[in-house]
Amino acid sequence: MVVLVVAAIIYTGIKTSRQLTESNFDFREVRWRWWWLAVVAYVGAMTLSCLFWHRVLVSLGQHVGYGKTLLAFFSSQLGKYVPGKAMVVVIRTDIIRGDKVSVGPAAASVFVETLTWLFVGAAIGSLLLVLKFREQTWLLVAAVAMTVIAGSLTAPPIFQRIARRLGVAKGKQSERILAGLNWPTMSFGWMVMSIGWCL
């Protein structure tokens, strides 16, 4: 897994370096104060997303410290360089699992966090399209459709049903665990991720 991630990062670095050379990019022209501000804003947005992921983990009955959640969350970002998004789930779940964290709920929590991030982004994007680009009909339709689809998947009753089908928890324990995916938990996610998207 580590070799795959390292190879993907090296490939991405080489590809990016070529693109910068072809576009005659000059690092001396970079306004480093704005660059650092962008880094801080990005880390802030990701930290808010991690905060929601931690809340989902706890809501699903998992006992994990915020420090370990941060480590798993930010380590998994390297998995995005590997084609497909499965590596993110694998890395996060592998780091977070343990005596007090089961694999099923841990993996499900990653999907809840990711779908919520997409839903909130689609909702904000749709709002911006309505306000600024009303003549772009196809963009409006696509953004609204994505908002409706992602939003319906993050609604607690629907996601609980999906989680049951995926076998996140078995038997009597499943109802207790999935009860944590409720409206207060998801509302918290919608709120912090809205701030994250603004960042």
N, C-alpha and C. Protein backbone atom coordinates (compact mmCIF):
# COMPACT_ATOMS: atom_id res chain seq x y z
N MET A 1 0.84 -1.20 0.00
CA MET A 1 0.00 0.00 0.00
C MET A 1 0.88 1.25 0.00
N VAL A 2 1.92 1.24 0.85
CA VAL A 2 2.83 2.38 0.94
C VAL A 2 3.55 2.59 -0.38
N VAL A 3 4.00 1.50 -0.99
CA VAL A 3 4.71 1.58 -2.27
C VAL A 3 3.80 2.18 -3.34
N LEU A 4 2.54 1.75 -3.38
CA LEU A 4 1.57 2.30 -4.34
C LEU A 4 1.41 3.80 -4.17
N VAL A 5 1.24 4.24 -2.91
CA VAL A 5 1.03 5.66 -2.63
C VAL A 5 2.27 6.46 -3.01
N VAL A 6 3.47 5.99 -2.63
CA VAL A 6 4.72 6.69 -2.96
C VAL A 6 4.90 6.78 -4.47
N ALA A 7 4.66 5.67 -5.18
CA ALA A 7 4.79 5.66 -6.64
C ALA A 7 3.83 6.66 -7.28
N ALA A 8 2.59 6.70 -6.78
CA ALA A 8 1.59 7.62 -7.33
C ALA A 8 1.99 9.08 -7.08
N ILE A 9 2.56 9.36 -5.90
CA ILE A 9 2.98 10.73 -5.58
C ILE A 9 4.16 11.14 -6.46
N ILE A 10 5.13 10.23 -6.67
CA ILE A 10 6.28 10.53 -7.54
C ILE A 10 5.80 10.80 -8.96
N TYR A 11 4.88 9.96 -9.47
CA TYR A 11 4.33 10.15 -10.82
C TYR A 11 3.64 11.50 -10.93
N THR A 12 2.83 11.85 -9.91
CA THR A 12 2.12 13.13 -9.91
C THR A 12 3.11 14.29 -9.88
N GLY A 13 4.18 14.15 -9.08
CA GLY A 13 5.21 15.20 -9.01
C GLY A 13 5.89 15.42 -10.34
N ILE A 14 6.26 14.32 -11.02
CA ILE A 14 6.92 14.42 -12.34
C ILE A 14 5.98 15.06 -13.35
N LYS A 15 4.73 14.62 -13.36
CA LYS A 15 3.74 15.16 -14.30
C LYS A 15 3.52 16.66 -14.06
N THR A 16 3.41 17.04 -12.78
CA THR A 16 3.20 18.45 -12.43
C THR A 16 4.41 19.28 -12.83
N SER A 17 5.62 18.76 -12.60
CA SER A 17 6.85 19.47 -12.95
C SER A 17 6.91 19.74 -14.45
N ARG A 18 6.52 18.74 -15.25
CA ARG A 18 6.49 18.93 -16.72
C ARG A 18 5.50 20.01 -17.12
N GLN A 19 4.32 19.97 -16.49
CA GLN A 19 3.30 20.97 -16.82
C GLN A 19 3.77 22.38 -16.47
N LEU A 20 4.44 22.51 -15.33
CA LEU A 20 4.96 23.82 -14.92
C LEU A 20 6.04 24.31 -15.89
N THR A 21 6.91 23.41 -16.33
CA THR A 21 7.97 23.76 -17.28
C THR A 21 7.37 24.20 -18.61
N GLU A 22 6.36 23.46 -19.09
CA GLU A 22 5.72 23.78 -20.37
C GLU A 22 5.00 25.12 -20.34
N SER A 23 4.50 25.51 -19.16
CA SER A 23 3.77 26.78 -19.07
C SER A 23 4.68 27.94 -18.64
N ASN A 24 6.01 27.68 -18.62
CA ASN A 24 7.00 28.71 -18.25
C ASN A 24 6.72 29.32 -16.87
N PHE A 25 6.31 28.47 -15.95
CA PHE A 25 6.02 28.93 -14.58
C PHE A 25 7.31 29.32 -13.87
N ASP A 26 7.28 30.45 -13.18
CA ASP A 26 8.46 30.95 -12.47
C ASP A 26 8.13 31.09 -10.99
N PHE A 27 8.82 30.31 -10.14
CA PHE A 27 8.57 30.34 -8.71
C PHE A 27 8.86 31.70 -8.09
N ARG A 28 9.71 32.50 -8.75
CA ARG A 28 10.03 33.83 -8.21
C ARG A 28 8.84 34.77 -8.27
N GLU A 29 7.85 34.42 -9.10
CA GLU A 29 6.65 35.27 -9.21
C GLU A 29 5.56 34.91 -8.20
N VAL A 30 5.79 33.84 -7.45
CA VAL A 30 4.79 33.41 -6.47
C VAL A 30 4.74 34.40 -5.32
N ARG A 31 3.53 34.79 -4.93
CA ARG A 31 3.35 35.63 -3.74
C ARG A 31 3.19 34.70 -2.56
N TRP A 32 4.30 34.46 -1.88
CA TRP A 32 4.34 33.41 -0.86
C TRP A 32 3.40 33.66 0.29
N ARG A 33 3.12 34.90 0.65
CA ARG A 33 2.17 35.15 1.75
C ARG A 33 0.79 34.61 1.40
N TRP A 34 0.37 34.81 0.14
CA TRP A 34 -0.93 34.28 -0.29
C TRP A 34 -0.89 32.77 -0.38
N TRP A 35 0.27 32.22 -0.76
CA TRP A 35 0.41 30.77 -0.84
C TRP A 35 0.23 30.16 0.55
N TRP A 36 0.88 30.75 1.56
CA TRP A 36 0.74 30.23 2.92
C TRP A 36 -0.68 30.39 3.44
N LEU A 37 -1.32 31.51 3.07
CA LEU A 37 -2.72 31.71 3.47
C LEU A 37 -3.60 30.62 2.85
N ALA A 38 -3.32 30.26 1.59
CA ALA A 38 -4.07 29.19 0.92
C ALA A 38 -3.86 27.85 1.63
N VAL A 39 -2.62 27.59 2.06
CA VAL A 39 -2.31 26.35 2.78
C VAL A 39 -3.09 26.29 4.09
N VAL A 40 -3.09 27.41 4.83
CA VAL A 40 -3.81 27.47 6.11
C VAL A 40 -5.31 27.27 5.90
N ALA A 41 -5.85 27.91 4.84
CA ALA A 41 -7.29 27.76 4.55
C ALA A 41 -7.62 26.32 4.19
N TYR A 42 -6.76 25.67 3.40
CA TYR A 42 -6.99 24.27 3.01
C TYR A 42 -6.94 23.35 4.22
N VAL A 43 -5.92 23.52 5.06
CA VAL A 43 -5.80 22.68 6.26
C VAL A 43 -7.00 22.92 7.19
N GLY A 44 -7.45 24.18 7.27
CA GLY A 44 -8.64 24.49 8.08
C GLY A 44 -9.87 23.77 7.58
N ALA A 45 -10.07 23.78 6.26
CA ALA A 45 -11.22 23.10 5.66
C ALA A 45 -11.16 21.60 5.92
N MET A 46 -9.98 21.01 5.75
CA MET A 46 -9.82 19.57 5.98
C MET A 46 -10.00 19.21 7.46
N THR A 47 -9.56 20.09 8.35
CA THR A 47 -9.71 19.84 9.78
C THR A 47 -11.19 19.85 10.17
N LEU A 48 -11.97 20.74 9.57
CA LEU A 48 -13.41 20.76 9.83
C LEU A 48 -14.06 19.47 9.34
N SER A 49 -13.61 18.98 8.17
CA SER A 49 -14.13 17.74 7.64
C SER A 49 -13.77 16.57 8.57
N CYS A 50 -12.55 16.61 9.10
CA CYS A 50 -12.10 15.59 10.04
C CYS A 50 -12.91 15.64 11.34
N LEU A 51 -13.24 16.85 11.76
CA LEU A 51 -14.05 17.02 12.98
C LEU A 51 -15.40 16.32 12.82
N PHE A 52 -16.00 16.48 11.63
CA PHE A 52 -17.27 15.80 11.36
C PHE A 52 -17.08 14.29 11.30
N TRP A 53 -16.00 13.84 10.65
CA TRP A 53 -15.74 12.40 10.56
C TRP A 53 -15.61 11.80 11.96
N HIS A 54 -14.91 12.50 12.85
CA HIS A 54 -14.76 12.03 14.23
C HIS A 54 -16.13 11.92 14.91
N ARG A 55 -16.97 12.92 14.68
CA ARG A 55 -18.31 12.89 15.28
C ARG A 55 -19.13 11.70 14.76
N VAL A 56 -18.98 11.41 13.46
CA VAL A 56 -19.69 10.27 12.88
C VAL A 56 -19.19 8.97 13.50
N LEU A 57 -17.87 8.85 13.66
CA LEU A 57 -17.29 7.65 14.28
C LEU A 57 -17.87 7.44 15.68
N VAL A 58 -17.89 8.50 16.48
CA VAL A 58 -18.42 8.42 17.84
C VAL A 58 -19.92 8.10 17.80
N SER A 59 -20.63 8.73 16.86
CA SER A 59 -22.07 8.48 16.72
C SER A 59 -22.38 7.04 16.35
N LEU A 60 -21.42 6.38 15.66
CA LEU A 60 -21.59 4.98 15.28
C LEU A 60 -21.10 4.03 16.37
N GLY A 61 -20.84 4.58 17.55
CA GLY A 61 -20.48 3.75 18.69
C GLY A 61 -19.01 3.37 18.77
N GLN A 62 -18.16 4.06 18.02
CA GLN A 62 -16.73 3.76 18.04
C GLN A 62 -16.02 4.68 19.04
N HIS A 63 -15.03 4.15 19.74
CA HIS A 63 -14.32 4.93 20.76
C HIS A 63 -12.90 5.20 20.27
N VAL A 64 -12.68 6.42 19.83
CA VAL A 64 -11.37 6.80 19.28
C VAL A 64 -11.06 8.24 19.66
N GLY A 65 -9.79 8.50 19.95
CA GLY A 65 -9.37 9.86 20.29
C GLY A 65 -9.28 10.74 19.07
N TYR A 66 -9.37 12.05 19.29
CA TYR A 66 -9.33 12.97 18.15
C TYR A 66 -7.96 12.98 17.49
N GLY A 67 -6.90 12.76 18.28
CA GLY A 67 -5.55 12.72 17.72
C GLY A 67 -5.37 11.61 16.70
N LYS A 68 -5.87 10.43 17.02
CA LYS A 68 -5.78 9.30 16.10
C LYS A 68 -6.65 9.54 14.87
N THR A 69 -7.79 10.19 15.08
CA THR A 69 -8.66 10.52 13.95
C THR A 69 -7.96 11.48 13.00
N LEU A 70 -7.29 12.49 13.56
CA LEU A 70 -6.53 13.44 12.73
C LEU A 70 -5.44 12.73 11.93
N LEU A 71 -4.70 11.85 12.60
CA LEU A 71 -3.62 11.11 11.94
C LEU A 71 -4.17 10.29 10.77
N ALA A 72 -5.24 9.55 11.01
CA ALA A 72 -5.84 8.71 9.97
C ALA A 72 -6.37 9.57 8.82
N PHE A 73 -7.03 10.67 9.16
CA PHE A 73 -7.65 11.53 8.14
C PHE A 73 -6.59 12.13 7.21
N PHE A 74 -5.58 12.77 7.81
CA PHE A 74 -4.58 13.45 6.97
C PHE A 74 -3.65 12.46 6.27
N SER A 75 -3.38 11.32 6.87
CA SER A 75 -2.59 10.28 6.19
C SER A 75 -3.33 9.77 4.96
N SER A 76 -4.64 9.64 5.08
CA SER A 76 -5.44 9.09 3.98
C SER A 76 -5.48 10.02 2.78
N GLN A 77 -5.17 11.31 2.98
CA GLN A 77 -5.18 12.24 1.85
C GLN A 77 -4.16 11.83 0.79
N LEU A 78 -3.07 11.16 1.22
CA LEU A 78 -2.07 10.67 0.26
C LEU A 78 -2.68 9.63 -0.68
N GLY A 79 -3.70 8.91 -0.21
CA GLY A 79 -4.35 7.90 -1.03
C GLY A 79 -5.07 8.48 -2.23
N LYS A 80 -5.32 9.78 -2.22
CA LYS A 80 -6.01 10.42 -3.35
C LYS A 80 -5.13 10.44 -4.60
N TYR A 81 -3.82 10.26 -4.42
CA TYR A 81 -2.93 10.26 -5.57
C TYR A 81 -2.94 8.92 -6.31
N VAL A 82 -3.49 7.88 -5.66
CA VAL A 82 -3.63 6.58 -6.31
C VAL A 82 -4.94 6.59 -7.08
N PRO A 83 -4.95 6.19 -8.36
CA PRO A 83 -6.19 6.20 -9.16
C PRO A 83 -7.34 5.50 -8.43
N GLY A 84 -8.51 6.12 -8.52
CA GLY A 84 -9.67 5.62 -7.78
C GLY A 84 -9.63 6.16 -6.36
N LYS A 85 -10.74 6.10 -5.66
CA LYS A 85 -10.79 6.66 -4.31
C LYS A 85 -10.76 5.60 -3.22
N ALA A 86 -10.66 4.34 -3.60
CA ALA A 86 -10.71 3.26 -2.60
C ALA A 86 -9.56 3.31 -1.62
N MET A 87 -8.38 3.78 -2.06
CA MET A 87 -7.21 3.79 -1.19
C MET A 87 -7.41 4.69 0.03
N VAL A 88 -8.18 5.76 -0.13
CA VAL A 88 -8.47 6.65 1.00
C VAL A 88 -9.20 5.88 2.10
N VAL A 89 -10.21 5.10 1.70
CA VAL A 89 -10.98 4.31 2.66
C VAL A 89 -10.09 3.26 3.32
N VAL A 90 -9.25 2.60 2.54
CA VAL A 90 -8.37 1.56 3.05
C VAL A 90 -7.39 2.13 4.08
N ILE A 91 -6.74 3.24 3.75
CA ILE A 91 -5.75 3.84 4.65
C ILE A 91 -6.42 4.30 5.95
N ARG A 92 -7.51 5.03 5.82
CA ARG A 92 -8.20 5.53 7.02
C ARG A 92 -8.65 4.40 7.93
N THR A 93 -9.30 3.43 7.33
CA THR A 93 -9.84 2.31 8.12
C THR A 93 -8.72 1.52 8.79
N ASP A 94 -7.62 1.32 8.06
CA ASP A 94 -6.51 0.56 8.61
C ASP A 94 -5.87 1.27 9.81
N ILE A 95 -5.74 2.59 9.74
CA ILE A 95 -5.12 3.35 10.83
C ILE A 95 -6.06 3.44 12.04
N ILE A 96 -7.34 3.61 11.79
CA ILE A 96 -8.30 3.90 12.87
C ILE A 96 -8.78 2.65 13.60
N ARG A 97 -8.74 1.50 12.93
CA ARG A 97 -9.30 0.28 13.53
C ARG A 97 -8.50 -0.15 14.76
N GLY A 98 -9.16 -0.87 15.64
CA GLY A 98 -8.50 -1.35 16.85
C GLY A 98 -9.51 -2.05 17.74
N ASP A 99 -9.16 -2.19 19.02
CA ASP A 99 -10.05 -2.88 19.97
C ASP A 99 -11.39 -2.19 20.10
N LYS A 100 -11.38 -0.85 20.01
CA LYS A 100 -12.62 -0.10 20.23
C LYS A 100 -13.20 0.48 18.95
N VAL A 101 -12.58 0.14 17.81
CA VAL A 101 -13.09 0.62 16.51
C VAL A 101 -13.18 -0.55 15.55
N SER A 102 -14.41 -0.86 15.11
CA SER A 102 -14.65 -1.97 14.17
C SER A 102 -14.48 -1.49 12.74
N VAL A 103 -14.07 -2.41 11.86
CA VAL A 103 -13.80 -2.07 10.46
C VAL A 103 -15.05 -1.58 9.74
N GLY A 104 -16.20 -2.27 9.92
CA GLY A 104 -17.43 -1.90 9.21
C GLY A 104 -17.87 -0.47 9.48
N PRO A 105 -18.10 -0.11 10.75
CA PRO A 105 -18.49 1.27 11.05
C PRO A 105 -17.43 2.30 10.65
N ALA A 106 -16.14 1.93 10.76
CA ALA A 106 -15.07 2.86 10.37
C ALA A 106 -15.15 3.16 8.88
N ALA A 107 -15.32 2.11 8.06
CA ALA A 107 -15.43 2.31 6.60
C ALA A 107 -16.69 3.09 6.26
N ALA A 108 -17.80 2.76 6.92
CA ALA A 108 -19.07 3.48 6.66
C ALA A 108 -18.93 4.95 7.00
N SER A 109 -18.20 5.27 8.07
CA SER A 109 -18.04 6.67 8.48
C SER A 109 -17.31 7.48 7.42
N VAL A 110 -16.37 6.83 6.70
CA VAL A 110 -15.65 7.52 5.62
C VAL A 110 -16.61 7.90 4.51
N PHE A 111 -17.53 6.97 4.18
CA PHE A 111 -18.51 7.26 3.13
C PHE A 111 -19.47 8.37 3.56
N VAL A 112 -19.86 8.37 4.83
CA VAL A 112 -20.74 9.43 5.34
C VAL A 112 -20.04 10.78 5.20
N GLU A 113 -18.79 10.85 5.62
CA GLU A 113 -18.04 12.12 5.55
C GLU A 113 -17.88 12.57 4.10
N THR A 114 -17.51 11.64 3.21
CA THR A 114 -17.29 11.98 1.80
C THR A 114 -18.57 12.42 1.12
N LEU A 115 -19.65 11.67 1.31
CA LEU A 115 -20.93 12.03 0.70
C LEU A 115 -21.44 13.38 1.21
N THR A 116 -21.23 13.64 2.49
CA THR A 116 -21.67 14.92 3.06
C THR A 116 -20.87 16.07 2.46
N TRP A 117 -19.58 15.85 2.29
CA TRP A 117 -18.71 16.87 1.67
C TRP A 117 -19.20 17.17 0.25
N LEU A 118 -19.52 16.12 -0.52
CA LEU A 118 -20.01 16.30 -1.88
C LEU A 118 -21.36 17.01 -1.90
N PHE A 119 -22.26 16.61 -0.98
CA PHE A 119 -23.57 17.22 -0.92
C PHE A 119 -23.49 18.72 -0.64
N VAL A 120 -22.72 19.07 0.36
CA VAL A 120 -22.61 20.49 0.73
C VAL A 120 -21.97 21.29 -0.41
N GLY A 121 -20.93 20.71 -1.03
CA GLY A 121 -20.29 21.39 -2.16
C GLY A 121 -21.25 21.59 -3.32
N ALA A 122 -22.04 20.55 -3.61
CA ALA A 122 -23.02 20.64 -4.70
C ALA A 122 -24.09 21.68 -4.38
N ALA A 123 -24.51 21.74 -3.12
CA ALA A 123 -25.53 22.72 -2.73
C ALA A 123 -25.00 24.14 -2.88
N ILE A 124 -23.77 24.37 -2.43
CA ILE A 124 -23.17 25.71 -2.56
C ILE A 124 -22.95 26.05 -4.03
N GLY A 125 -22.47 25.06 -4.80
CA GLY A 125 -22.28 25.28 -6.24
C GLY A 125 -23.58 25.61 -6.95
N SER A 126 -24.65 24.90 -6.60
CA SER A 126 -25.96 25.18 -7.20
C SER A 126 -26.42 26.59 -6.88
N LEU A 127 -26.23 26.98 -5.63
CA LEU A 127 -26.63 28.33 -5.21
C LEU A 127 -25.86 29.39 -6.00
N LEU A 128 -24.55 29.19 -6.17
CA LEU A 128 -23.74 30.15 -6.94
C LEU A 128 -24.16 30.20 -8.40
N LEU A 129 -24.49 29.03 -8.97
CA LEU A 129 -24.95 29.01 -10.36
C LEU A 129 -26.26 29.76 -10.52
N VAL A 130 -27.17 29.56 -9.57
CA VAL A 130 -28.46 30.25 -9.62
C VAL A 130 -28.25 31.76 -9.54
N LEU A 131 -27.33 32.19 -8.68
CA LEU A 131 -27.10 33.62 -8.46
C LEU A 131 -26.32 34.27 -9.60
N LYS A 132 -25.36 33.53 -10.19
CA LYS A 132 -24.43 34.16 -11.14
C LYS A 132 -24.58 33.73 -12.59
N PHE A 133 -25.02 32.49 -12.82
CA PHE A 133 -25.01 31.96 -14.19
C PHE A 133 -26.36 31.36 -14.57
N ARG A 134 -27.41 32.12 -14.44
CA ARG A 134 -28.75 31.59 -14.70
C ARG A 134 -28.93 31.12 -16.13
N GLU A 135 -28.17 31.67 -17.07
CA GLU A 135 -28.32 31.30 -18.48
C GLU A 135 -27.69 29.94 -18.80
N GLN A 136 -26.85 29.42 -17.90
CA GLN A 136 -26.18 28.12 -18.11
C GLN A 136 -27.10 26.98 -17.65
N THR A 137 -28.10 26.69 -18.44
CA THR A 137 -29.15 25.73 -18.06
C THR A 137 -28.60 24.35 -17.71
N TRP A 138 -27.71 23.81 -18.55
CA TRP A 138 -27.22 22.45 -18.30
C TRP A 138 -26.39 22.37 -17.04
N LEU A 139 -25.61 23.40 -16.77
CA LEU A 139 -24.84 23.44 -15.53
C LEU A 139 -25.77 23.47 -14.32
N LEU A 140 -26.83 24.27 -14.43
CA LEU A 140 -27.81 24.36 -13.35
C LEU A 140 -28.47 23.00 -13.09
N VAL A 141 -28.89 22.35 -14.16
CA VAL A 141 -29.55 21.05 -14.03
C VAL A 141 -28.61 20.03 -13.40
N ALA A 142 -27.35 19.98 -13.86
CA ALA A 142 -26.37 19.02 -13.32
C ALA A 142 -26.10 19.29 -11.84
N ALA A 143 -25.93 20.55 -11.48
CA ALA A 143 -25.63 20.90 -10.09
C ALA A 143 -26.80 20.56 -9.17
N VAL A 144 -28.01 20.90 -9.61
CA VAL A 144 -29.19 20.60 -8.80
C VAL A 144 -29.38 19.09 -8.66
N ALA A 145 -29.17 18.35 -9.76
CA ALA A 145 -29.30 16.88 -9.71
C ALA A 145 -28.29 16.29 -8.74
N MET A 146 -27.05 16.76 -8.76
CA MET A 146 -26.03 16.25 -7.84
C MET A 146 -26.38 16.57 -6.40
N THR A 147 -26.91 17.78 -6.17
CA THR A 147 -27.32 18.16 -4.82
C THR A 147 -28.42 17.25 -4.30
N VAL A 148 -29.41 16.99 -5.14
CA VAL A 148 -30.54 16.14 -4.73
C VAL A 148 -30.07 14.71 -4.45
N ILE A 149 -29.23 14.16 -5.35
CA ILE A 149 -28.76 12.78 -5.18
C ILE A 149 -27.89 12.64 -3.93
N ALA A 150 -26.85 13.50 -3.82
CA ALA A 150 -25.95 13.42 -2.66
C ALA A 150 -26.70 13.75 -1.38
N GLY A 151 -27.60 14.73 -1.45
CA GLY A 151 -28.36 15.12 -0.26
C GLY A 151 -29.27 14.02 0.23
N SER A 152 -29.92 13.32 -0.70
CA SER A 152 -30.81 12.24 -0.28
C SER A 152 -30.02 11.09 0.33
N LEU A 153 -28.80 10.85 -0.18
CA LEU A 153 -27.97 9.78 0.38
C LEU A 153 -27.47 10.11 1.78
N THR A 154 -27.33 11.41 2.10
CA THR A 154 -26.85 11.79 3.44
C THR A 154 -28.00 11.98 4.43
N ALA A 155 -29.24 11.86 3.99
CA ALA A 155 -30.37 11.94 4.92
C ALA A 155 -30.33 10.70 5.81
N PRO A 156 -30.40 10.87 7.14
CA PRO A 156 -30.25 9.74 8.07
C PRO A 156 -31.07 8.49 7.75
N PRO A 157 -32.38 8.58 7.46
CA PRO A 157 -33.13 7.34 7.20
C PRO A 157 -32.60 6.55 6.01
N ILE A 158 -32.19 7.27 4.95
CA ILE A 158 -31.71 6.60 3.74
C ILE A 158 -30.32 6.00 3.98
N PHE A 159 -29.44 6.78 4.64
CA PHE A 159 -28.10 6.23 4.86
C PHE A 159 -28.13 5.06 5.84
N GLN A 160 -29.02 5.10 6.81
CA GLN A 160 -29.14 3.97 7.73
C GLN A 160 -29.54 2.71 6.96
N ARG A 161 -30.44 2.87 6.00
CA ARG A 161 -30.87 1.72 5.18
C ARG A 161 -29.71 1.18 4.35
N ILE A 162 -28.91 2.09 3.75
CA ILE A 162 -27.76 1.67 2.96
C ILE A 162 -26.75 0.94 3.85
N ALA A 163 -26.51 1.48 5.05
CA ALA A 163 -25.55 0.89 5.98
C ALA A 163 -25.97 -0.53 6.38
N ARG A 164 -27.28 -0.71 6.58
CA ARG A 164 -27.79 -2.05 6.93
C ARG A 164 -27.52 -3.03 5.79
N ARG A 165 -27.76 -2.59 4.56
CA ARG A 165 -27.54 -3.45 3.39
C ARG A 165 -26.07 -3.83 3.24
N LEU A 166 -25.18 -2.86 3.60
CA LEU A 166 -23.75 -3.11 3.50
C LEU A 166 -23.23 -3.95 4.65
N GLY A 167 -24.08 -4.17 5.65
CA GLY A 167 -23.67 -4.98 6.80
C GLY A 167 -22.70 -4.29 7.72
N VAL A 168 -22.86 -2.97 7.88
CA VAL A 168 -21.98 -2.21 8.76
C VAL A 168 -21.98 -2.77 10.17
N ALA A 169 -23.13 -3.17 10.66
CA ALA A 169 -23.23 -3.81 11.98
C ALA A 169 -24.27 -4.91 11.87
N LYS A 170 -24.08 -5.95 12.64
CA LYS A 170 -24.97 -7.10 12.53
C LYS A 170 -25.83 -7.26 13.78
N GLY A 171 -27.01 -7.83 13.60
CA GLY A 171 -27.88 -8.18 14.72
C GLY A 171 -28.42 -6.99 15.47
N LYS A 172 -28.66 -7.21 16.77
CA LYS A 172 -29.25 -6.17 17.62
C LYS A 172 -28.35 -4.95 17.73
N GLN A 173 -27.04 -5.18 17.62
CA GLN A 173 -26.09 -4.09 17.76
C GLN A 173 -26.26 -3.06 16.65
N SER A 174 -26.71 -3.49 15.46
CA SER A 174 -26.79 -2.59 14.32
C SER A 174 -27.72 -1.42 14.57
N GLU A 175 -28.87 -1.68 15.18
CA GLU A 175 -29.83 -0.59 15.41
C GLU A 175 -29.26 0.45 16.36
N ARG A 176 -28.53 -0.02 17.38
CA ARG A 176 -27.95 0.91 18.35
C ARG A 176 -26.86 1.76 17.70
N ILE A 177 -26.04 1.11 16.87
CA ILE A 177 -24.94 1.83 16.21
C ILE A 177 -25.49 2.83 15.20
N LEU A 178 -26.42 2.36 14.35
CA LEU A 178 -26.93 3.23 13.27
C LEU A 178 -27.82 4.35 13.79
N ALA A 179 -28.33 4.20 15.01
CA ALA A 179 -29.15 5.28 15.58
C ALA A 179 -28.34 6.57 15.73
N GLY A 180 -27.01 6.43 15.77
CA GLY A 180 -26.16 7.62 15.88
C GLY A 180 -26.15 8.47 14.64
N LEU A 181 -26.54 7.88 13.49
CA LEU A 181 -26.62 8.66 12.25
C LEU A 181 -27.98 9.36 12.22
N ASN A 182 -28.11 10.38 13.04
CA ASN A 182 -29.39 11.07 13.17
C ASN A 182 -29.30 12.49 12.63
N TRP A 183 -30.41 13.21 12.72
CA TRP A 183 -30.45 14.57 12.17
C TRP A 183 -29.48 15.53 12.86
N PRO A 184 -29.32 15.49 14.21
CA PRO A 184 -28.33 16.39 14.83
C PRO A 184 -26.90 16.15 14.32
N THR A 185 -26.53 14.88 14.15
CA THR A 185 -25.18 14.56 13.65
C THR A 185 -25.00 15.09 12.24
N MET A 186 -25.96 14.83 11.37
CA MET A 186 -25.83 15.26 9.98
C MET A 186 -25.93 16.78 9.85
N SER A 187 -26.76 17.41 10.67
CA SER A 187 -26.86 18.88 10.64
C SER A 187 -25.53 19.51 11.03
N PHE A 188 -24.87 18.91 12.02
CA PHE A 188 -23.54 19.38 12.42
C PHE A 188 -22.59 19.30 11.22
N GLY A 189 -22.64 18.18 10.50
CA GLY A 189 -21.80 18.01 9.31
C GLY A 189 -22.09 19.03 8.24
N TRP A 190 -23.36 19.25 7.96
CA TRP A 190 -23.72 20.25 6.94
C TRP A 190 -23.20 21.64 7.32
N MET A 191 -23.25 21.96 8.62
CA MET A 191 -22.81 23.27 9.08
C MET A 191 -21.29 23.43 8.95
N VAL A 192 -20.51 22.48 9.53
CA VAL A 192 -19.05 22.64 9.51
C VAL A 192 -18.50 22.51 8.09
N MET A 193 -19.14 21.69 7.25
CA MET A 193 -18.64 21.55 5.89
C MET A 193 -18.98 22.75 5.02
N SER A 194 -20.04 23.45 5.36
CA SER A 194 -20.33 24.71 4.66
C SER A 194 -19.22 25.71 4.91
N ILE A 195 -18.77 25.77 6.16
CA ILE A 195 -17.64 26.65 6.51
C ILE A 195 -16.39 26.17 5.78
N GLY A 196 -16.20 24.84 5.73
CA GLY A 196 -15.05 24.27 5.03
C GLY A 196 -15.02 24.64 3.55
N TRP A 197 -16.17 24.55 2.89
CA TRP A 197 -16.23 24.91 1.46
C TRP A 197 -15.96 26.39 1.27
N CYS A 198 -16.41 27.22 2.20
CA CYS A 198 -16.11 28.66 2.09
C CYS A 198 -14.60 28.90 2.21
N LEU A 199 -13.95 28.15 3.09
CA LEU A 199 -12.49 28.26 3.19
C LEU A 199 -11.82 27.81 1.89
